[in-house]
Amino acid sequence: MTLVADESVDGLIVRQLRHDGHSVVYIAEVDPSIDDREVLQHSSDAECVLITADKDFGDLVFRQ
């Protein structure tokens, strides 16, 4: 399974996950500054687990 790491995730965490054998798409590397909705849509469409430190995603998922 591929993980999607939002820009808010520290690069050290992404490097460690990759070192541990996980496949990680890091938004900061592939499409920095995209809207949170686009990040959420990308991870949903690709059926990936989203990793974030941004509390705004809770609002997107549960309230909208």
PDB file of N, CA and C in Angstrom:
ATOM      1  N   MET A   1       0.841  -1.179   0.000  1.00  0.00           N
ATOM      2  CA  MET A   1       0.000   0.000   0.000  1.00  0.00           C
ATOM      3  C   MET A   1       0.883   1.239   0.000  1.00  0.00           C
ATOM      4  N   THR A   2       0.459   2.195  -0.763  1.00  0.00           N
ATOM      5  CA  THR A   2       1.172   3.466  -0.831  1.00  0.00           C
ATOM      6  C   THR A   2       0.584   4.435   0.180  1.00  0.00           C
ATOM      7  N   LEU A   3       1.444   5.189   0.808  1.00  0.00           N
ATOM      8  CA  LEU A   3       1.037   6.236   1.737  1.00  0.00           C
ATOM      9  C   LEU A   3       1.172   7.577   1.041  1.00  0.00           C
ATOM     10  N   VAL A   4       0.287   8.503   1.355  1.00  0.00           N
ATOM     11  CA  VAL A   4       0.396   9.878   0.876  1.00  0.00           C
ATOM     12  C   VAL A   4       0.695  10.732   2.098  1.00  0.00           C
ATOM     13  N   ALA A   5       1.827  11.428   2.066  1.00  0.00           N
ATOM     14  CA  ALA A   5       2.220  12.305   3.166  1.00  0.00           C
ATOM     15  C   ALA A   5       1.991  13.749   2.749  1.00  0.00           C
ATOM     16  N   ASP A   6       1.148  14.421   3.490  1.00  0.00           N
ATOM     17  CA  ASP A   6       0.869  15.831   3.240  1.00  0.00           C
ATOM     18  C   ASP A   6       2.120  16.657   3.502  1.00  0.00           C
ATOM     19  N   GLU A   7       2.130  17.874   2.996  1.00  0.00           N
ATOM     20  CA  GLU A   7       3.266  18.786   3.200  1.00  0.00           C
ATOM     21  C   GLU A   7       3.571  19.028   4.674  1.00  0.00           C
ATOM     22  N   SER A   8       2.564  18.905   5.517  1.00  0.00           N
ATOM     23  CA  SER A   8       2.751  19.176   6.943  1.00  0.00           C
ATOM     24  C   SER A   8       3.577  18.096   7.650  1.00  0.00           C
ATOM     25  N   VAL A   9       3.783  16.977   6.999  1.00  0.00           N
ATOM     26  CA  VAL A   9       4.577  15.892   7.580  1.00  0.00           C
ATOM     27  C   VAL A   9       6.052  16.214   7.403  1.00  0.00           C
ATOM     28  N   ASP A  10       6.801  16.084   8.470  1.00  0.00           N
ATOM     29  CA  ASP A  10       8.236  16.376   8.439  1.00  0.00           C
ATOM     30  C   ASP A  10       8.949  15.415   7.484  1.00  0.00           C
ATOM     31  N   GLY A  11       9.880  15.951   6.728  1.00  0.00           N
ATOM     32  CA  GLY A  11      10.648  15.153   5.774  1.00  0.00           C
ATOM     33  C   GLY A  11      11.389  13.990   6.409  1.00  0.00           C
ATOM     34  N   LEU A  12      11.798  14.142   7.662  1.00  0.00           N
ATOM     35  CA  LEU A  12      12.483  13.047   8.364  1.00  0.00           C
ATOM     36  C   LEU A  12      11.560  11.841   8.525  1.00  0.00           C
ATOM     37  N   ILE A  13      10.299  12.093   8.757  1.00  0.00           N
ATOM     38  CA  ILE A  13       9.339  11.000   8.887  1.00  0.00           C
ATOM     39  C   ILE A  13       9.183  10.283   7.555  1.00  0.00           C
ATOM     40  N   VAL A  14       9.090  11.048   6.482  1.00  0.00           N
ATOM     41  CA  VAL A  14       8.965  10.461   5.148  1.00  0.00           C
ATOM     42  C   VAL A  14      10.192   9.616   4.826  1.00  0.00           C
ATOM     43  N   ARG A  15      11.372  10.134   5.089  1.00  0.00           N
ATOM     44  CA  ARG A  15      12.610   9.377   4.825  1.00  0.00           C
ATOM     45  C   ARG A  15      12.649   8.088   5.639  1.00  0.00           C
ATOM     46  N   GLN A  16      12.227   8.147   6.896  1.00  0.00           N
ATOM     47  CA  GLN A  16      12.242   6.946   7.735  1.00  0.00           C
ATOM     48  C   GLN A  16      11.239   5.911   7.228  1.00  0.00           C
ATOM     49  N   LEU A  17      10.071   6.366   6.848  1.00  0.00           N
ATOM     50  CA  LEU A  17       9.079   5.436   6.289  1.00  0.00           C
ATOM     51  C   LEU A  17       9.617   4.749   5.038  1.00  0.00           C
ATOM     52  N   ARG A  18      10.250   5.516   4.176  1.00  0.00           N
ATOM     53  CA  ARG A  18      10.838   4.936   2.965  1.00  0.00           C
ATOM     54  C   ARG A  18      11.966   3.979   3.312  1.00  0.00           C
ATOM     55  N   HIS A  19      12.787   4.358   4.265  1.00  0.00           N
ATOM     56  CA  HIS A  19      13.882   3.498   4.709  1.00  0.00           C
ATOM     57  C   HIS A  19      13.344   2.171   5.242  1.00  0.00           C
ATOM     58  N   ASP A  20      12.176   2.237   5.880  1.00  0.00           N
ATOM     59  CA  ASP A  20      11.553   1.034   6.430  1.00  0.00           C
ATOM     60  C   ASP A  20      10.805   0.226   5.378  1.00  0.00           C
ATOM     61  N   GLY A  21      10.856   0.661   4.133  1.00  0.00           N
ATOM     62  CA  GLY A  21      10.294  -0.111   3.035  1.00  0.00           C
ATOM     63  C   GLY A  21       8.913   0.313   2.559  1.00  0.00           C
ATOM     64  N   HIS A  22       8.392   1.402   3.084  1.00  0.00           N
ATOM     65  CA  HIS A  22       7.072   1.873   2.680  1.00  0.00           C
ATOM     66  C   HIS A  22       7.159   2.733   1.418  1.00  0.00           C
ATOM     67  N   SER A  23       6.141   2.648   0.610  1.00  0.00           N
ATOM     68  CA  SER A  23       6.027   3.496  -0.566  1.00  0.00           C
ATOM     69  C   SER A  23       5.289   4.764  -0.136  1.00  0.00           C
ATOM     70  N   VAL A  24       5.947   5.907  -0.293  1.00  0.00           N
ATOM     71  CA  VAL A  24       5.376   7.171   0.174  1.00  0.00           C
ATOM     72  C   VAL A  24       5.398   8.208  -0.949  1.00  0.00           C
ATOM     73  N   VAL A  25       4.234   8.768  -1.243  1.00  0.00           N
ATOM     74  CA  VAL A  25       4.134   9.916  -2.129  1.00  0.00           C
ATOM     75  C   VAL A  25       4.119  11.129  -1.212  1.00  0.00           C
ATOM     76  N   TYR A  26       5.130  11.973  -1.349  1.00  0.00           N
ATOM     77  CA  TYR A  26       5.272  13.143  -0.484  1.00  0.00           C
ATOM     78  C   TYR A  26       4.812  14.366  -1.269  1.00  0.00           C
ATOM     79  N   ILE A  27       3.704  14.938  -0.852  1.00  0.00           N
ATOM     80  CA  ILE A  27       3.118  16.073  -1.567  1.00  0.00           C
ATOM     81  C   ILE A  27       4.119  17.212  -1.730  1.00  0.00           C
ATOM     82  N   ALA A  28       4.956  17.428  -0.745  1.00  0.00           N
ATOM     83  CA  ALA A  28       5.965  18.495  -0.824  1.00  0.00           C
ATOM     84  C   ALA A  28       6.930  18.283  -1.986  1.00  0.00           C
ATOM     85  N   GLU A  29       7.094  17.037  -2.425  1.00  0.00           N
ATOM     86  CA  GLU A  29       7.991  16.736  -3.538  1.00  0.00           C
ATOM     87  C   GLU A  29       7.282  16.762  -4.887  1.00  0.00           C
ATOM     88  N   VAL A  30       6.039  16.315  -4.909  1.00  0.00           N
ATOM     89  CA  VAL A  30       5.369  16.135  -6.199  1.00  0.00           C
ATOM     90  C   VAL A  30       4.462  17.286  -6.618  1.00  0.00           C
ATOM     91  N   ASP A  31       3.856  17.962  -5.667  1.00  0.00           N
ATOM     92  CA  ASP A  31       2.940  19.049  -6.010  1.00  0.00           C
ATOM     93  C   ASP A  31       2.756  19.984  -4.811  1.00  0.00           C
ATOM     94  N   PRO A  32       3.820  20.686  -4.426  1.00  0.00           N
ATOM     95  CA  PRO A  32       3.738  21.527  -3.233  1.00  0.00           C
ATOM     96  C   PRO A  32       2.669  22.621  -3.357  1.00  0.00           C
ATOM     97  N   SER A  33       2.089  22.929  -2.249  1.00  0.00           N
ATOM     98  CA  SER A  33       1.104  24.017  -2.118  1.00  0.00           C
ATOM     99  C   SER A  33      -0.253  23.733  -2.746  1.00  0.00           C
ATOM    100  N   ILE A  34      -0.549  22.464  -3.074  1.00  0.00           N
ATOM    101  CA  ILE A  34      -1.899  22.196  -3.567  1.00  0.00           C
ATOM    102  C   ILE A  34      -2.871  22.274  -2.395  1.00  0.00           C
ATOM    103  N   ASP A  35      -4.105  22.503  -2.714  1.00  0.00           N
ATOM    104  CA  ASP A  35      -5.166  22.640  -1.733  1.00  0.00           C
ATOM    105  C   ASP A  35      -5.387  21.325  -0.973  1.00  0.00           C
ATOM    106  N   ASP A  36      -5.774  21.442   0.303  1.00  0.00           N
ATOM    107  CA  ASP A  36      -6.034  20.256   1.119  1.00  0.00           C
ATOM    108  C   ASP A  36      -7.082  19.347   0.487  1.00  0.00           C
ATOM    109  N   ARG A  37      -8.071  19.935  -0.142  1.00  0.00           N
ATOM    110  CA  ARG A  37      -9.109  19.128  -0.801  1.00  0.00           C
ATOM    111  C   ARG A  37      -8.512  18.267  -1.921  1.00  0.00           C
ATOM    112  N   GLU A  38      -7.558  18.835  -2.648  1.00  0.00           N
ATOM    113  CA  GLU A  38      -6.904  18.080  -3.718  1.00  0.00           C
ATOM    114  C   GLU A  38      -6.058  16.939  -3.150  1.00  0.00           C
ATOM    115  N   VAL A  39      -5.383  17.202  -2.042  1.00  0.00           N
ATOM    116  CA  VAL A  39      -4.587  16.154  -1.388  1.00  0.00           C
ATOM    117  C   VAL A  39      -5.501  15.022  -0.945  1.00  0.00           C
ATOM    118  N   LEU A  40      -6.598  15.368  -0.307  1.00  0.00           N
ATOM    119  CA  LEU A  40      -7.550  14.367   0.160  1.00  0.00           C
ATOM    120  C   LEU A  40      -8.146  13.591  -1.010  1.00  0.00           C
ATOM    121  N   GLN A  41      -8.496  14.295  -2.079  1.00  0.00           N
ATOM    122  CA  GLN A  41      -9.059  13.631  -3.254  1.00  0.00           C
ATOM    123  C   GLN A  41      -8.049  12.680  -3.891  1.00  0.00           C
ATOM    124  N   HIS A  42      -6.794  13.119  -3.988  1.00  0.00           N
ATOM    125  CA  HIS A  42      -5.739  12.272  -4.560  1.00  0.00           C
ATOM    126  C   HIS A  42      -5.577  10.986  -3.750  1.00  0.00           C
ATOM    127  N   SER A  43      -5.499  11.115  -2.441  1.00  0.00           N
ATOM    128  CA  SER A  43      -5.304   9.920  -1.616  1.00  0.00           C
ATOM    129  C   SER A  43      -6.530   9.012  -1.681  1.00  0.00           C
ATOM    130  N   SER A  44      -7.713   9.598  -1.748  1.00  0.00           N
ATOM    131  CA  SER A  44      -8.936   8.805  -1.849  1.00  0.00           C
ATOM    132  C   SER A  44      -9.013   8.077  -3.193  1.00  0.00           C
ATOM    133  N   ASP A  45      -8.754   8.786  -4.272  1.00  0.00           N
ATOM    134  CA  ASP A  45      -8.808   8.182  -5.612  1.00  0.00           C
ATOM    135  C   ASP A  45      -7.817   7.038  -5.754  1.00  0.00           C
ATOM    136  N   ALA A  46      -6.640   7.205  -5.168  1.00  0.00           N
ATOM    137  CA  ALA A  46      -5.591   6.183  -5.266  1.00  0.00           C
ATOM    138  C   ALA A  46      -5.725   5.113  -4.182  1.00  0.00           C
ATOM    139  N   GLU A  47      -6.751   5.260  -3.325  1.00  0.00           N
ATOM    140  CA  GLU A  47      -6.974   4.332  -2.211  1.00  0.00           C
ATOM    141  C   GLU A  47      -5.742   4.203  -1.328  1.00  0.00           C
ATOM    142  N   CYS A  48      -5.157   5.354  -1.001  1.00  0.00           N
ATOM    143  CA  CYS A  48      -3.963   5.418  -0.166  1.00  0.00           C
ATOM    144  C   CYS A  48      -4.314   5.950   1.220  1.00  0.00           C
ATOM    145  N   VAL A  49      -3.490   5.606   2.167  1.00  0.00           N
ATOM    146  CA  VAL A  49      -3.611   6.154   3.512  1.00  0.00           C
ATOM    147  C   VAL A  49      -2.965   7.529   3.510  1.00  0.00           C
ATOM    148  N   LEU A  50      -3.674   8.513   4.047  1.00  0.00           N
ATOM    149  CA  LEU A  50      -3.159   9.869   4.130  1.00  0.00           C
ATOM    150  C   LEU A  50      -2.545  10.103   5.498  1.00  0.00           C
ATOM    151  N   ILE A  51      -1.315  10.594   5.500  1.00  0.00           N
ATOM    152  CA  ILE A  51      -0.624  10.966   6.735  1.00  0.00           C
ATOM    153  C   ILE A  51      -0.517  12.486   6.743  1.00  0.00           C
ATOM    154  N   THR A  52      -0.956  13.102   7.834  1.00  0.00           N
ATOM    155  CA  THR A  52      -0.904  14.548   7.917  1.00  0.00           C
ATOM    156  C   THR A  52      -0.738  14.995   9.361  1.00  0.00           C
ATOM    157  N   ALA A  53      -0.203  16.177   9.525  1.00  0.00           N
ATOM    158  CA  ALA A  53      -0.131  16.818  10.839  1.00  0.00           C
ATOM    159  C   ALA A  53      -1.038  18.040  10.852  1.00  0.00           C
ATOM    160  N   ASP A  54      -1.827  18.188   9.800  1.00  0.00           N
ATOM    161  CA  ASP A  54      -2.704  19.341   9.606  1.00  0.00           C
ATOM    162  C   ASP A  54      -4.101  19.007  10.126  1.00  0.00           C
ATOM    163  N   LYS A  55      -4.542  19.709  11.137  1.00  0.00           N
ATOM    164  CA  LYS A  55      -5.839  19.429  11.751  1.00  0.00           C
ATOM    165  C   LYS A  55      -7.017  19.813  10.853  1.00  0.00           C
ATOM    166  N   ASP A  56      -6.780  20.589   9.809  1.00  0.00           N
ATOM    167  CA  ASP A  56      -7.859  20.980   8.906  1.00  0.00           C
ATOM    168  C   ASP A  56      -8.474  19.793   8.177  1.00  0.00           C
ATOM    169  N   PHE A  57      -7.744  18.710   8.037  1.00  0.00           N
ATOM    170  CA  PHE A  57      -8.277  17.548   7.332  1.00  0.00           C
ATOM    171  C   PHE A  57      -9.443  16.937   8.089  1.00  0.00           C
ATOM    172  N   GLY A  58      -9.424  17.014   9.399  1.00  0.00           N
ATOM    173  CA  GLY A  58     -10.544  16.508  10.190  1.00  0.00           C
ATOM    174  C   GLY A  58     -11.833  17.217   9.826  1.00  0.00           C
ATOM    175  N   ASP A  59     -11.748  18.510   9.621  1.00  0.00           N
ATOM    176  CA  ASP A  59     -12.914  19.286   9.220  1.00  0.00           C
ATOM    177  C   ASP A  59     -13.388  18.861   7.828  1.00  0.00           C
ATOM    178  N   LEU A  60     -12.452  18.663   6.926  1.00  0.00           N
ATOM    179  CA  LEU A  60     -12.810  18.253   5.569  1.00  0.00           C
ATOM    180  C   LEU A  60     -13.496  16.889   5.568  1.00  0.00           C
ATOM    181  N   VAL A  61     -12.983  15.977   6.349  1.00  0.00           N
ATOM    182  CA  VAL A  61     -13.494  14.604   6.338  1.00  0.00           C
ATOM    183  C   VAL A  61     -14.823  14.481   7.090  1.00  0.00           C
ATOM    184  N   PHE A  62     -14.898  15.077   8.254  1.00  0.00           N
ATOM    185  CA  PHE A  62     -16.055  14.827   9.108  1.00  0.00           C
ATOM    186  C   PHE A  62     -17.149  15.885   9.047  1.00  0.00           C
ATOM    187  N   ARG A  63     -16.845  17.078   8.642  1.00  0.00           N
ATOM    188  CA  ARG A  63     -17.867  18.126   8.647  1.00  0.00           C
ATOM    189  C   ARG A  63     -18.333  18.511   7.257  1.00  0.00           C
ATOM    190  N   GLN A  64     -17.516  18.289   6.261  1.00  0.00           N
ATOM    191  CA  GLN A  64     -17.897  18.682   4.909  1.00  0.00           C
ATOM    192  C   GLN A  64     -18.128  17.448   4.127  1.00  0.00           C
TER     193      GLN A  64
END
